[in-house]
Amino acid sequence: MQSYPLFRKENIPAYLTVLIAWGIISCCNAVLLKTMNASLSFLLSLFWSALAVMSGMAIMFIASILNLRKLTAGFRRLAEGQTDPQIPPVWCPVLTAATRAAVELVQRRSGATGGITDR
C-alpha cells in the first residue's frame, strides 16, 4: 500500500470549506465575546476568537493524523486481502465509519463473514 500525502490540490474545495467554516465560527464567537464584554474592541474579539477556533481545529487535525497512523497497519493488512485485518478502534466517528465501510467492502468482494468487531 502506498503512502498518500496529507495535502493535495484535489482537496482545495474541501480546504476552502473548512476555511469558510473557520471564518463563520470565529465571527460568531467574536460577536458573542463582544456582547459579553463591551469594553473589548471587535477587532481584538475577532482575533482572539479566530485564534481559539483555529486551536481547536488544530487539535482535531493532529488527532486525526495520529489516528490515521494508528490505522495504517490494519489497512495494509486489509489491502493484502486479510478478512480480519485487526484494525484498532479510534475515537473519531468519521474514521470509524470509513474503517467499517472498507472492511465491509473487502468482505463483500471476498465473500468472507469475519471482519472488524466492535471493541
PDB file of N, CA and C in Angstrom:
ATOM      1  N   MET A   1       0.848  -1.168   0.000  1.00  0.00           N
ATOM      2  CA  MET A   1       0.000   0.000   0.000  1.00  0.00           C
ATOM      3  C   MET A   1       0.894   1.231   0.000  1.00  0.00           C
ATOM      4  N   GLN A   2       0.635   2.143  -0.907  1.00  0.00           N
ATOM      5  CA  GLN A   2       1.485   3.323  -0.990  1.00  0.00           C
ATOM      6  C   GLN A   2       1.056   4.392   0.009  1.00  0.00           C
ATOM      7  N   SER A   3       1.946   5.307   0.269  1.00  0.00           N
ATOM      8  CA  SER A   3       1.670   6.410   1.182  1.00  0.00           C
ATOM      9  C   SER A   3       1.023   7.549   0.400  1.00  0.00           C
ATOM     10  N   TYR A   4       0.065   8.210   1.015  1.00  0.00           N
ATOM     11  CA  TYR A   4      -0.629   9.315   0.368  1.00  0.00           C
ATOM     12  C   TYR A   4      -0.331  10.610   1.102  1.00  0.00           C
ATOM     13  N   PRO A   5      -0.154  11.694   0.361  1.00  0.00           N
ATOM     14  CA  PRO A   5       0.147  12.979   1.009  1.00  0.00           C
ATOM     15  C   PRO A   5      -1.065  13.502   1.775  1.00  0.00           C
ATOM     16  N   LEU A   6      -0.802  14.261   2.833  1.00  0.00           N
ATOM     17  CA  LEU A   6      -1.888  14.848   3.616  1.00  0.00           C
ATOM     18  C   LEU A   6      -2.590  15.962   2.850  1.00  0.00           C
ATOM     19  N   PHE A   7      -1.837  16.712   2.042  1.00  0.00           N
ATOM     20  CA  PHE A   7      -2.401  17.832   1.298  1.00  0.00           C
ATOM     21  C   PHE A   7      -2.301  17.541  -0.195  1.00  0.00           C
ATOM     22  N   ARG A   8      -3.432  17.731  -0.905  1.00  0.00           N
ATOM     23  CA  ARG A   8      -3.460  17.506  -2.352  1.00  0.00           C
ATOM     24  C   ARG A   8      -4.294  18.606  -3.000  1.00  0.00           C
ATOM     25  N   LYS A   9      -3.936  18.962  -4.232  1.00  0.00           N
ATOM     26  CA  LYS A   9      -4.662  20.052  -4.893  1.00  0.00           C
ATOM     27  C   LYS A   9      -6.117  19.684  -5.160  1.00  0.00           C
ATOM     28  N   GLU A  10      -6.421  18.386  -5.273  1.00  0.00           N
ATOM     29  CA  GLU A  10      -7.802  17.966  -5.493  1.00  0.00           C
ATOM     30  C   GLU A  10      -8.694  18.289  -4.289  1.00  0.00           C
ATOM     31  N   ASN A  11      -8.070  18.498  -3.142  1.00  0.00           N
ATOM     32  CA  ASN A  11      -8.818  18.778  -1.917  1.00  0.00           C
ATOM     33  C   ASN A  11      -9.029  20.270  -1.667  1.00  0.00           C
ATOM     34  N   ILE A  12      -8.622  21.106  -2.593  1.00  0.00           N
ATOM     35  CA  ILE A  12      -8.750  22.551  -2.389  1.00  0.00           C
ATOM     36  C   ILE A  12     -10.189  22.965  -2.063  1.00  0.00           C
ATOM     37  N   PRO A  13     -11.225  22.435  -2.741  1.00  0.00           N
ATOM     38  CA  PRO A  13     -12.592  22.810  -2.340  1.00  0.00           C
ATOM     39  C   PRO A  13     -12.903  22.450  -0.883  1.00  0.00           C
ATOM     40  N   ALA A  14     -12.405  21.320  -0.423  1.00  0.00           N
ATOM     41  CA  ALA A  14     -12.627  20.941   0.977  1.00  0.00           C
ATOM     42  C   ALA A  14     -11.883  21.891   1.911  1.00  0.00           C
ATOM     43  N   TYR A  15     -10.651  22.262   1.534  1.00  0.00           N
ATOM     44  CA  TYR A  15      -9.892  23.198   2.351  1.00  0.00           C
ATOM     45  C   TYR A  15     -10.616  24.547   2.432  1.00  0.00           C
ATOM     46  N   LEU A  16     -11.171  24.995   1.313  1.00  0.00           N
ATOM     47  CA  LEU A  16     -11.913  26.258   1.307  1.00  0.00           C
ATOM     48  C   LEU A  16     -13.151  26.172   2.192  1.00  0.00           C
ATOM     49  N   THR A  17     -13.812  25.020   2.183  1.00  0.00           N
ATOM     50  CA  THR A  17     -14.986  24.833   3.034  1.00  0.00           C
ATOM     51  C   THR A  17     -14.601  24.948   4.506  1.00  0.00           C
ATOM     52  N   VAL A  18     -13.485  24.339   4.874  1.00  0.00           N
ATOM     53  CA  VAL A  18     -13.012  24.422   6.254  1.00  0.00           C
ATOM     54  C   VAL A  18     -12.633  25.862   6.591  1.00  0.00           C
ATOM     55  N   LEU A  19     -12.000  26.556   5.660  1.00  0.00           N
ATOM     56  CA  LEU A  19     -11.629  27.956   5.869  1.00  0.00           C
ATOM     57  C   LEU A  19     -12.861  28.819   6.093  1.00  0.00           C
ATOM     58  N   ILE A  20     -13.898  28.589   5.301  1.00  0.00           N
ATOM     59  CA  ILE A  20     -15.148  29.350   5.454  1.00  0.00           C
ATOM     60  C   ILE A  20     -15.792  29.038   6.803  1.00  0.00           C
ATOM     61  N   ALA A  21     -15.813  27.765   7.178  1.00  0.00           N
ATOM     62  CA  ALA A  21     -16.378  27.389   8.482  1.00  0.00           C
ATOM     63  C   ALA A  21     -15.597  28.057   9.609  1.00  0.00           C
ATOM     64  N   TRP A  22     -14.266  28.062   9.491  1.00  0.00           N
ATOM     65  CA  TRP A  22     -13.432  28.728  10.495  1.00  0.00           C
ATOM     66  C   TRP A  22     -13.810  30.204  10.598  1.00  0.00           C
ATOM     67  N   GLY A  23     -13.971  30.861   9.462  1.00  0.00           N
ATOM     68  CA  GLY A  23     -14.326  32.276   9.463  1.00  0.00           C
ATOM     69  C   GLY A  23     -15.686  32.545  10.077  1.00  0.00           C
ATOM     70  N   ILE A  24     -16.669  31.742   9.735  1.00  0.00           N
ATOM     71  CA  ILE A  24     -18.029  31.935  10.254  1.00  0.00           C
ATOM     72  C   ILE A  24     -18.068  31.703  11.759  1.00  0.00           C
ATOM     73  N   ILE A  25     -17.470  30.600  12.206  1.00  0.00           N
ATOM     74  CA  ILE A  25     -17.481  30.300  13.639  1.00  0.00           C
ATOM     75  C   ILE A  25     -16.689  31.350  14.415  1.00  0.00           C
ATOM     76  N   SER A  26     -15.571  31.798  13.852  1.00  0.00           N
ATOM     77  CA  SER A  26     -14.774  32.841  14.501  1.00  0.00           C
ATOM     78  C   SER A  26     -15.564  34.131  14.630  1.00  0.00           C
ATOM     79  N   CYS A  27     -16.266  34.515  13.575  1.00  0.00           N
ATOM     80  CA  CYS A  27     -17.075  35.746  13.628  1.00  0.00           C
ATOM     81  C   CYS A  27     -18.203  35.631  14.652  1.00  0.00           C
ATOM     82  N   CYS A  28     -18.872  34.491  14.680  1.00  0.00           N
ATOM     83  CA  CYS A  28     -19.948  34.283  15.658  1.00  0.00           C
ATOM     84  C   CYS A  28     -19.409  34.364  17.078  1.00  0.00           C
ATOM     85  N   ASN A  29     -18.256  33.733  17.316  1.00  0.00           N
ATOM     86  CA  ASN A  29     -17.639  33.804  18.642  1.00  0.00           C
ATOM     87  C   ASN A  29     -17.209  35.225  18.980  1.00  0.00           C
ATOM     88  N   ALA A  30     -16.716  35.968  17.999  1.00  0.00           N
ATOM     89  CA  ALA A  30     -16.297  37.351  18.242  1.00  0.00           C
ATOM     90  C   ALA A  30     -17.486  38.215  18.624  1.00  0.00           C
ATOM     91  N   VAL A  31     -18.599  38.020  17.948  1.00  0.00           N
ATOM     92  CA  VAL A  31     -19.816  38.777  18.285  1.00  0.00           C
ATOM     93  C   VAL A  31     -20.259  38.445  19.709  1.00  0.00           C
ATOM     94  N   LEU A  32     -20.223  37.160  20.041  1.00  0.00           N
ATOM     95  CA  LEU A  32     -20.607  36.744  21.390  1.00  0.00           C
ATOM     96  C   LEU A  32     -19.657  37.335  22.434  1.00  0.00           C
ATOM     97  N   LEU A  33     -18.359  37.268  22.163  1.00  0.00           N
ATOM     98  CA  LEU A  33     -17.373  37.823  23.087  1.00  0.00           C
ATOM     99  C   LEU A  33     -17.562  39.327  23.248  1.00  0.00           C
ATOM    100  N   LYS A  34     -17.791  40.018  22.150  1.00  0.00           N
ATOM    101  CA  LYS A  34     -18.007  41.479  22.185  1.00  0.00           C
ATOM    102  C   LYS A  34     -19.277  41.813  22.958  1.00  0.00           C
ATOM    103  N   THR A  35     -20.312  40.983  22.797  1.00  0.00           N
ATOM    104  CA  THR A  35     -21.572  41.199  23.512  1.00  0.00           C
ATOM    105  C   THR A  35     -21.377  41.005  25.016  1.00  0.00           C
ATOM    106  N   MET A  36     -20.571  40.020  25.369  1.00  0.00           N
ATOM    107  CA  MET A  36     -20.344  39.728  26.783  1.00  0.00           C
ATOM    108  C   MET A  36     -19.419  40.746  27.443  1.00  0.00           C
ATOM    109  N   ASN A  37     -18.547  41.368  26.652  1.00  0.00           N
ATOM    110  CA  ASN A  37     -17.613  42.349  27.202  1.00  0.00           C
ATOM    111  C   ASN A  37     -17.530  43.528  26.237  1.00  0.00           C
ATOM    112  N   ALA A  38     -18.367  44.492  26.436  1.00  0.00           N
ATOM    113  CA  ALA A  38     -18.473  45.640  25.532  1.00  0.00           C
ATOM    114  C   ALA A  38     -17.203  46.482  25.490  1.00  0.00           C
ATOM    115  N   SER A  39     -16.347  46.365  26.507  1.00  0.00           N
ATOM    116  CA  SER A  39     -15.137  47.198  26.518  1.00  0.00           C
ATOM    117  C   SER A  39     -14.079  46.688  25.539  1.00  0.00           C
ATOM    118  N   LEU A  40     -14.205  45.444  25.076  1.00  0.00           N
ATOM    119  CA  LEU A  40     -13.251  44.923  24.089  1.00  0.00           C
ATOM    120  C   LEU A  40     -13.560  45.476  22.705  1.00  0.00           C
ATOM    121  N   SER A  41     -12.532  45.726  21.933  1.00  0.00           N
ATOM    122  CA  SER A  41     -12.781  46.134  20.552  1.00  0.00           C
ATOM    123  C   SER A  41     -13.192  44.893  19.758  1.00  0.00           C
ATOM    124  N   PHE A  42     -13.958  45.112  18.692  1.00  0.00           N
ATOM    125  CA  PHE A  42     -14.391  43.970  17.891  1.00  0.00           C
ATOM    126  C   PHE A  42     -13.194  43.296  17.225  1.00  0.00           C
ATOM    127  N   LEU A  43     -12.209  44.087  16.811  1.00  0.00           N
ATOM    128  CA  LEU A  43     -11.024  43.528  16.167  1.00  0.00           C
ATOM    129  C   LEU A  43     -10.274  42.580  17.111  1.00  0.00           C
ATOM    130  N   LEU A  44     -10.121  42.984  18.364  1.00  0.00           N
ATOM    131  CA  LEU A  44      -9.471  42.126  19.352  1.00  0.00           C
ATOM    132  C   LEU A  44     -10.317  40.872  19.604  1.00  0.00           C
ATOM    133  N   SER A  45     -11.624  41.038  19.683  1.00  0.00           N
ATOM    134  CA  SER A  45     -12.523  39.895  19.864  1.00  0.00           C
ATOM    135  C   SER A  45     -12.414  38.931  18.692  1.00  0.00           C
ATOM    136  N   LEU A  46     -12.354  39.472  17.489  1.00  0.00           N
ATOM    137  CA  LEU A  46     -12.236  38.633  16.297  1.00  0.00           C
ATOM    138  C   LEU A  46     -10.901  37.899  16.280  1.00  0.00           C
ATOM    139  N   PHE A  47      -9.823  38.591  16.620  1.00  0.00           N
ATOM    140  CA  PHE A  47      -8.504  37.959  16.654  1.00  0.00           C
ATOM    141  C   PHE A  47      -8.488  36.810  17.662  1.00  0.00           C
ATOM    142  N   TRP A  48      -8.982  37.069  18.876  1.00  0.00           N
ATOM    143  CA  TRP A  48      -8.988  36.041  19.910  1.00  0.00           C
ATOM    144  C   TRP A  48      -9.857  34.851  19.500  1.00  0.00           C
ATOM    145  N   SER A  49     -11.014  35.128  18.941  1.00  0.00           N
ATOM    146  CA  SER A  49     -11.923  34.058  18.517  1.00  0.00           C
ATOM    147  C   SER A  49     -11.317  33.227  17.392  1.00  0.00           C
ATOM    148  N   ALA A  50     -10.708  33.891  16.420  1.00  0.00           N
ATOM    149  CA  ALA A  50     -10.080  33.166  15.307  1.00  0.00           C
ATOM    150  C   ALA A  50      -8.949  32.286  15.819  1.00  0.00           C
ATOM    151  N   LEU A  51      -8.173  32.795  16.765  1.00  0.00           N
ATOM    152  CA  LEU A  51      -7.083  32.021  17.344  1.00  0.00           C
ATOM    153  C   LEU A  51      -7.625  30.819  18.126  1.00  0.00           C
ATOM    154  N   ALA A  52      -8.675  31.024  18.899  1.00  0.00           N
ATOM    155  CA  ALA A  52      -9.250  29.951  19.704  1.00  0.00           C
ATOM    156  C   ALA A  52      -9.866  28.862  18.812  1.00  0.00           C
ATOM    157  N   VAL A  53     -10.595  29.272  17.786  1.00  0.00           N
ATOM    158  CA  VAL A  53     -11.214  28.293  16.881  1.00  0.00           C
ATOM    159  C   VAL A  53     -10.136  27.528  16.129  1.00  0.00           C
ATOM    160  N   MET A  54      -9.105  28.212  15.645  1.00  0.00           N
ATOM    161  CA  MET A  54      -8.028  27.533  14.926  1.00  0.00           C
ATOM    162  C   MET A  54      -7.291  26.566  15.846  1.00  0.00           C
ATOM    163  N   SER A  55      -7.138  26.902  17.105  1.00  0.00           N
ATOM    164  CA  SER A  55      -6.501  25.989  18.053  1.00  0.00           C
ATOM    165  C   SER A  55      -7.310  24.703  18.184  1.00  0.00           C
ATOM    166  N   GLY A  56      -8.613  24.832  18.290  1.00  0.00           N
ATOM    167  CA  GLY A  56      -9.471  23.651  18.354  1.00  0.00           C
ATOM    168  C   GLY A  56      -9.395  22.825  17.085  1.00  0.00           C
ATOM    169  N   MET A  57      -9.362  23.483  15.949  1.00  0.00           N
ATOM    170  CA  MET A  57      -9.248  22.771  14.679  1.00  0.00           C
ATOM    171  C   MET A  57      -7.899  22.067  14.580  1.00  0.00           C
ATOM    172  N   ALA A  58      -6.856  22.698  15.083  1.00  0.00           N
ATOM    173  CA  ALA A  58      -5.521  22.085  15.046  1.00  0.00           C
ATOM    174  C   ALA A  58      -5.482  20.826  15.904  1.00  0.00           C
ATOM    175  N   ILE A  59      -6.139  20.869  17.048  1.00  0.00           N
ATOM    176  CA  ILE A  59      -6.210  19.681  17.900  1.00  0.00           C
ATOM    177  C   ILE A  59      -6.857  18.539  17.134  1.00  0.00           C
ATOM    178  N   MET A  60      -7.970  18.806  16.467  1.00  0.00           N
ATOM    179  CA  MET A  60      -8.673  17.763  15.726  1.00  0.00           C
ATOM    180  C   MET A  60      -7.834  17.264  14.547  1.00  0.00           C
ATOM    181  N   PHE A  61      -7.151  18.151  13.865  1.00  0.00           N
ATOM    182  CA  PHE A  61      -6.325  17.767  12.719  1.00  0.00           C
ATOM    183  C   PHE A  61      -5.183  16.856  13.164  1.00  0.00           C
ATOM    184  N   ILE A  62      -4.487  17.255  14.210  1.00  0.00           N
ATOM    185  CA  ILE A  62      -3.367  16.461  14.706  1.00  0.00           C
ATOM    186  C   ILE A  62      -3.859  15.113  15.228  1.00  0.00           C
ATOM    187  N   ALA A  63      -4.976  15.122  15.937  1.00  0.00           N
ATOM    188  CA  ALA A  63      -5.528  13.862  16.442  1.00  0.00           C
ATOM    189  C   ALA A  63      -5.915  12.939  15.286  1.00  0.00           C
ATOM    190  N   SER A  64      -6.453  13.499  14.219  1.00  0.00           N
ATOM    191  CA  SER A  64      -6.817  12.685  13.051  1.00  0.00           C
ATOM    192  C   SER A  64      -5.583  12.073  12.402  1.00  0.00           C
ATOM    193  N   ILE A  65      -4.508  12.843  12.299  1.00  0.00           N
ATOM    194  CA  ILE A  65      -3.264  12.310  11.735  1.00  0.00           C
ATOM    195  C   ILE A  65      -2.749  11.164  12.599  1.00  0.00           C
ATOM    196  N   LEU A  66      -2.779  11.344  13.911  1.00  0.00           N
ATOM    197  CA  LEU A  66      -2.325  10.275  14.810  1.00  0.00           C
ATOM    198  C   LEU A  66      -3.202   9.038  14.678  1.00  0.00           C
ATOM    199  N   ASN A  67      -4.517   9.239  14.562  1.00  0.00           N
ATOM    200  CA  ASN A  67      -5.426   8.108  14.384  1.00  0.00           C
ATOM    201  C   ASN A  67      -5.163   7.395  13.063  1.00  0.00           C
ATOM    202  N   LEU A  68      -4.923   8.153  12.001  1.00  0.00           N
ATOM    203  CA  LEU A  68      -4.638   7.527  10.707  1.00  0.00           C
ATOM    204  C   LEU A  68      -3.361   6.696  10.771  1.00  0.00           C
ATOM    205  N   ARG A  69      -2.375   7.192  11.480  1.00  0.00           N
ATOM    206  CA  ARG A  69      -1.135   6.411  11.637  1.00  0.00           C
ATOM    207  C   ARG A  69      -1.425   5.115  12.395  1.00  0.00           C
ATOM    208  N   LYS A  70      -2.318   5.201  13.367  1.00  0.00           N
ATOM    209  CA  LYS A  70      -2.688   4.023  14.146  1.00  0.00           C
ATOM    210  C   LYS A  70      -3.412   2.997  13.272  1.00  0.00           C
ATOM    211  N   LEU A  71      -4.151   3.464  12.274  1.00  0.00           N
ATOM    212  CA  LEU A  71      -4.932   2.591  11.404  1.00  0.00           C
ATOM    213  C   LEU A  71      -4.129   2.015  10.239  1.00  0.00           C
ATOM    214  N   THR A  72      -2.969   2.589   9.947  1.00  0.00           N
ATOM    215  CA  THR A  72      -2.212   2.235   8.748  1.00  0.00           C
ATOM    216  C   THR A  72      -1.916   0.751   8.632  1.00  0.00           C
ATOM    217  N   ALA A  73      -1.414   0.137   9.690  1.00  0.00           N
ATOM    218  CA  ALA A  73      -1.043  -1.285   9.624  1.00  0.00           C
ATOM    219  C   ALA A  73      -2.265  -2.147   9.306  1.00  0.00           C
ATOM    220  N   GLY A  74      -3.382  -1.845   9.920  1.00  0.00           N
ATOM    221  CA  GLY A  74      -4.607  -2.607   9.655  1.00  0.00           C
ATOM    222  C   GLY A  74      -5.088  -2.439   8.224  1.00  0.00           C
ATOM    223  N   PHE A  75      -4.978  -1.241   7.686  1.00  0.00           N
ATOM    224  CA  PHE A  75      -5.387  -1.018   6.298  1.00  0.00           C
ATOM    225  C   PHE A  75      -4.429  -1.720   5.335  1.00  0.00           C
ATOM    226  N   ARG A  76      -3.157  -1.814   5.684  1.00  0.00           N
ATOM    227  CA  ARG A  76      -2.218  -2.581   4.854  1.00  0.00           C
ATOM    228  C   ARG A  76      -2.633  -4.048   4.822  1.00  0.00           C
ATOM    229  N   ARG A  77      -2.966  -4.590   6.004  1.00  0.00           N
ATOM    230  CA  ARG A  77      -3.413  -5.983   6.053  1.00  0.00           C
ATOM    231  C   ARG A  77      -4.700  -6.166   5.256  1.00  0.00           C
ATOM    232  N   LEU A  78      -5.576  -5.189   5.314  1.00  0.00           N
ATOM    233  CA  LEU A  78      -6.835  -5.230   4.553  1.00  0.00           C
ATOM    234  C   LEU A  78      -6.544  -5.222   3.056  1.00  0.00           C
ATOM    235  N   ALA A  79      -5.606  -4.383   2.628  1.00  0.00           N
ATOM    236  CA  ALA A  79      -5.235  -4.315   1.209  1.00  0.00           C
ATOM    237  C   ALA A  79      -4.592  -5.608   0.734  1.00  0.00           C
ATOM    238  N   GLU A  80      -3.951  -6.322   1.635  1.00  0.00           N
ATOM    239  CA  GLU A  80      -3.334  -7.599   1.289  1.00  0.00           C
ATOM    240  C   GLU A  80      -4.344  -8.737   1.239  1.00  0.00           C
ATOM    241  N   GLY A  81      -5.608  -8.432   1.575  1.00  0.00           N
ATOM    242  CA  GLY A  81      -6.661  -9.429   1.455  1.00  0.00           C
ATOM    243  C   GLY A  81      -7.055 -10.135   2.725  1.00  0.00           C
ATOM    244  N   GLN A  82      -6.485  -9.760   3.842  1.00  0.00           N
ATOM    245  CA  GLN A  82      -6.885 -10.395   5.094  1.00  0.00           C
ATOM    246  C   GLN A  82      -8.320 -10.022   5.422  1.00  0.00           C
ATOM    247  N   THR A  83      -9.119 -10.998   5.800  1.00  0.00           N
ATOM    248  CA  THR A  83     -10.529 -10.713   6.086  1.00  0.00           C
ATOM    249  C   THR A  83     -10.730 -10.124   7.469  1.00  0.00           C
ATOM    250  N   ASP A  84      -9.822 -10.372   8.391  1.00  0.00           N
ATOM    251  CA  ASP A  84      -9.875  -9.740   9.712  1.00  0.00           C
ATOM    252  C   ASP A  84      -8.562  -9.002   9.930  1.00  0.00           C
ATOM    253  N   PRO A  85      -8.485  -7.754   9.463  1.00  0.00           N
ATOM    254  CA  PRO A  85      -7.223  -7.015   9.490  1.00  0.00           C
ATOM    255  C   PRO A  85      -6.831  -6.493  10.868  1.00  0.00           C
ATOM    256  N   GLN A  86      -7.646  -6.744  11.882  1.00  0.00           N
ATOM    257  CA  GLN A  86      -7.366  -6.288  13.240  1.00  0.00           C
ATOM    258  C   GLN A  86      -7.071  -4.793  13.284  1.00  0.00           C
ATOM    259  N   ILE A  87      -7.983  -4.016  12.734  1.00  0.00           N
ATOM    260  CA  ILE A  87      -7.847  -2.561  12.746  1.00  0.00           C
ATOM    261  C   ILE A  87      -8.316  -2.068  14.112  1.00  0.00           C
ATOM    262  N   PRO A  88      -7.461  -1.345  14.831  1.00  0.00           N
ATOM    263  CA  PRO A  88      -7.829  -0.918  16.180  1.00  0.00           C
ATOM    264  C   PRO A  88      -8.903   0.169  16.157  1.00  0.00           C
ATOM    265  N   PRO A  89      -9.700   0.229  17.205  1.00  0.00           N
ATOM    266  CA  PRO A  89     -10.702   1.296  17.283  1.00  0.00           C
ATOM    267  C   PRO A  89     -10.029   2.644  17.537  1.00  0.00           C
ATOM    268  N   VAL A  90     -10.645   3.694  17.035  1.00  0.00           N
ATOM    269  CA  VAL A  90     -10.161   5.055  17.279  1.00  0.00           C
ATOM    270  C   VAL A  90     -11.344   5.890  17.765  1.00  0.00           C
ATOM    271  N   TRP A  91     -11.064   7.054  18.311  1.00  0.00           N
ATOM    272  CA  TRP A  91     -12.123   7.886  18.880  1.00  0.00           C
ATOM    273  C   TRP A  91     -12.935   8.611  17.817  1.00  0.00           C
ATOM    274  N   CYS A  92     -12.412   8.765  16.623  1.00  0.00           N
ATOM    275  CA  CYS A  92     -13.049   9.588  15.589  1.00  0.00           C
ATOM    276  C   CYS A  92     -14.176   8.829  14.884  1.00  0.00           C
ATOM    277  N   PRO A  93     -15.416   9.312  14.973  1.00  0.00           N
ATOM    278  CA  PRO A  93     -16.529   8.615  14.319  1.00  0.00           C
ATOM    279  C   PRO A  93     -16.388   8.532  12.802  1.00  0.00           C
ATOM    280  N   VAL A  94     -15.781   9.533  12.188  1.00  0.00           N
ATOM    281  CA  VAL A  94     -15.610   9.523  10.733  1.00  0.00           C
ATOM    282  C   VAL A  94     -14.629   8.426  10.325  1.00  0.00           C
ATOM    283  N   LEU A  95     -13.508   8.329  11.027  1.00  0.00           N
ATOM    284  CA  LEU A  95     -12.536   7.287  10.712  1.00  0.00           C
ATOM    285  C   LEU A  95     -13.077   5.901  11.044  1.00  0.00           C
ATOM    286  N   THR A  96     -13.878   5.797  12.087  1.00  0.00           N
ATOM    287  CA  THR A  96     -14.505   4.522  12.422  1.00  0.00           C
ATOM    288  C   THR A  96     -15.467   4.095  11.317  1.00  0.00           C
ATOM    289  N   ALA A  97     -16.274   5.035  10.832  1.00  0.00           N
ATOM    290  CA  ALA A  97     -17.218   4.714   9.750  1.00  0.00           C
ATOM    291  C   ALA A  97     -16.464   4.338   8.471  1.00  0.00           C
ATOM    292  N   ALA A  98     -15.403   5.057   8.163  1.00  0.00           N
ATOM    293  CA  ALA A  98     -14.618   4.749   6.964  1.00  0.00           C
ATOM    294  C   ALA A  98     -13.963   3.377   7.091  1.00  0.00           C
ATOM    295  N   THR A  99     -13.478   3.049   8.267  1.00  0.00           N
ATOM    296  CA  THR A  99     -12.867   1.740   8.501  1.00  0.00           C
ATOM    297  C   THR A  99     -13.889   0.633   8.320  1.00  0.00           C
ATOM    298  N   ARG A 100     -15.065   0.812   8.910  1.00  0.00           N
ATOM    299  CA  ARG A 100     -16.109  -0.209   8.789  1.00  0.00           C
ATOM    300  C   ARG A 100     -16.521  -0.379   7.326  1.00  0.00           C
ATOM    301  N   ALA A 101     -16.635   0.725   6.596  1.00  0.00           N
ATOM    302  CA  ALA A 101     -17.011   0.641   5.177  1.00  0.00           C
ATOM    303  C   ALA A 101     -15.942  -0.108   4.381  1.00  0.00           C
ATOM    304  N   ALA A 102     -14.674   0.157   4.654  1.00  0.00           N
ATOM    305  CA  ALA A 102     -13.591  -0.525   3.938  1.00  0.00           C
ATOM    306  C   ALA A 102     -13.604  -2.021   4.228  1.00  0.00           C
ATOM    307  N   VAL A 103     -13.796  -2.382   5.478  1.00  0.00           N
ATOM    308  CA  VAL A 103     -13.836  -3.802   5.847  1.00  0.00           C
ATOM    309  C   VAL A 103     -15.039  -4.483   5.194  1.00  0.00           C
ATOM    310  N   GLU A 104     -16.187  -3.826   5.231  1.00  0.00           N
ATOM    311  CA  GLU A 104     -17.383  -4.409   4.597  1.00  0.00           C
ATOM    312  C   GLU A 104     -17.187  -4.583   3.094  1.00  0.00           C
ATOM    313  N   LEU A 105     -16.539  -3.634   2.449  1.00  0.00           N
ATOM    314  CA  LEU A 105     -16.273  -3.735   1.018  1.00  0.00           C
ATOM    315  C   LEU A 105     -15.396  -4.953   0.715  1.00  0.00           C
ATOM    316  N   VAL A 106     -14.338  -5.124   1.491  1.00  0.00           N
ATOM    317  CA  VAL A 106     -13.456  -6.273   1.284  1.00  0.00           C
ATOM    318  C   VAL A 106     -14.220  -7.574   1.548  1.00  0.00           C
ATOM    319  N   GLN A 107     -15.044  -7.588   2.570  1.00  0.00           N
ATOM    320  CA  GLN A 107     -15.815  -8.794   2.879  1.00  0.00           C
ATOM    321  C   GLN A 107     -16.774  -9.141   1.747  1.00  0.00           C
ATOM    322  N   ARG A 108     -17.437  -8.140   1.189  1.00  0.00           N
ATOM    323  CA  ARG A 108     -18.360  -8.390   0.073  1.00  0.00           C
ATOM    324  C   ARG A 108     -17.626  -8.920  -1.142  1.00  0.00           C
ATOM    325  N   ARG A 109     -16.469  -8.345  -1.416  1.00  0.00           N
ATOM    326  CA  ARG A 109     -15.693  -8.768  -2.593  1.00  0.00           C
ATOM    327  C   ARG A 109     -15.126 -10.161  -2.422  1.00  0.00           C
ATOM    328  N   SER A 110     -14.793 -10.532  -1.173  1.00  0.00           N
ATOM    329  CA  SER A 110     -14.188 -11.844  -0.953  1.00  0.00           C
ATOM    330  C   SER A 110     -15.190 -12.880  -0.483  1.00  0.00           C
ATOM    331  N   GLY A 111     -16.390 -12.442  -0.114  1.00  0.00           N
ATOM    332  CA  GLY A 111     -17.404 -13.365   0.391  1.00  0.00           C
ATOM    333  C   GLY A 111     -17.119 -13.822   1.809  1.00  0.00           C
ATOM    334  N   ALA A 112     -16.249 -13.119   2.516  1.00  0.00           N
ATOM    335  CA  ALA A 112     -15.900 -13.504   3.883  1.00  0.00           C
ATOM    336  C   ALA A 112     -16.997 -13.104   4.862  1.00  0.00           C
ATOM    337  N   THR A 113     -17.028 -13.799   5.995  1.00  0.00           N
ATOM    338  CA  THR A 113     -18.020 -13.479   7.011  1.00  0.00           C
ATOM    339  C   THR A 113     -17.392 -12.854   8.246  1.00  0.00           C
ATOM    340  N   GLY A 114     -16.073 -12.915   8.398  1.00  0.00           N
ATOM    341  CA  GLY A 114     -15.395 -12.325   9.570  1.00  0.00           C
ATOM    342  C   GLY A 114     -15.266 -10.844   9.388  1.00  0.00           C
ATOM    343  N   GLY A 115     -14.395 -10.226  10.162  1.00  0.00           N
ATOM    344  CA  GLY A 115     -14.134  -8.826   9.953  1.00  0.00           C
ATOM    345  C   GLY A 115     -13.973  -8.043  11.229  1.00  0.00           C
ATOM    346  N   ILE A 116     -14.130  -6.764  11.095  1.00  0.00           N
ATOM    347  CA  ILE A 116     -13.948  -5.863  12.223  1.00  0.00           C
ATOM    348  C   ILE A 116     -15.030  -6.126  13.254  1.00  0.00           C
ATOM    349  N   THR A 117     -14.631  -6.057  14.486  1.00  0.00           N
ATOM    350  CA  THR A 117     -15.584  -6.244  15.572  1.00  0.00           C
ATOM    351  C   THR A 117     -15.668  -4.967  16.379  1.00  0.00           C
ATOM    352  N   ASP A 118     -16.778  -4.792  17.059  1.00  0.00           N
ATOM    353  CA  ASP A 118     -16.891  -3.630  17.946  1.00  0.00           C
ATOM    354  C   ASP A 118     -16.121  -3.947  19.221  1.00  0.00           C
ATOM    355  N   ARG A 119     -15.084  -3.157  19.465  1.00  0.00           N
ATOM    356  CA  ARG A 119     -14.253  -3.387  20.655  1.00  0.00           C
ATOM    357  C   ARG A 119     -14.357  -2.217  21.573  1.00  0.00           C
TER     358      ARG A 119
END
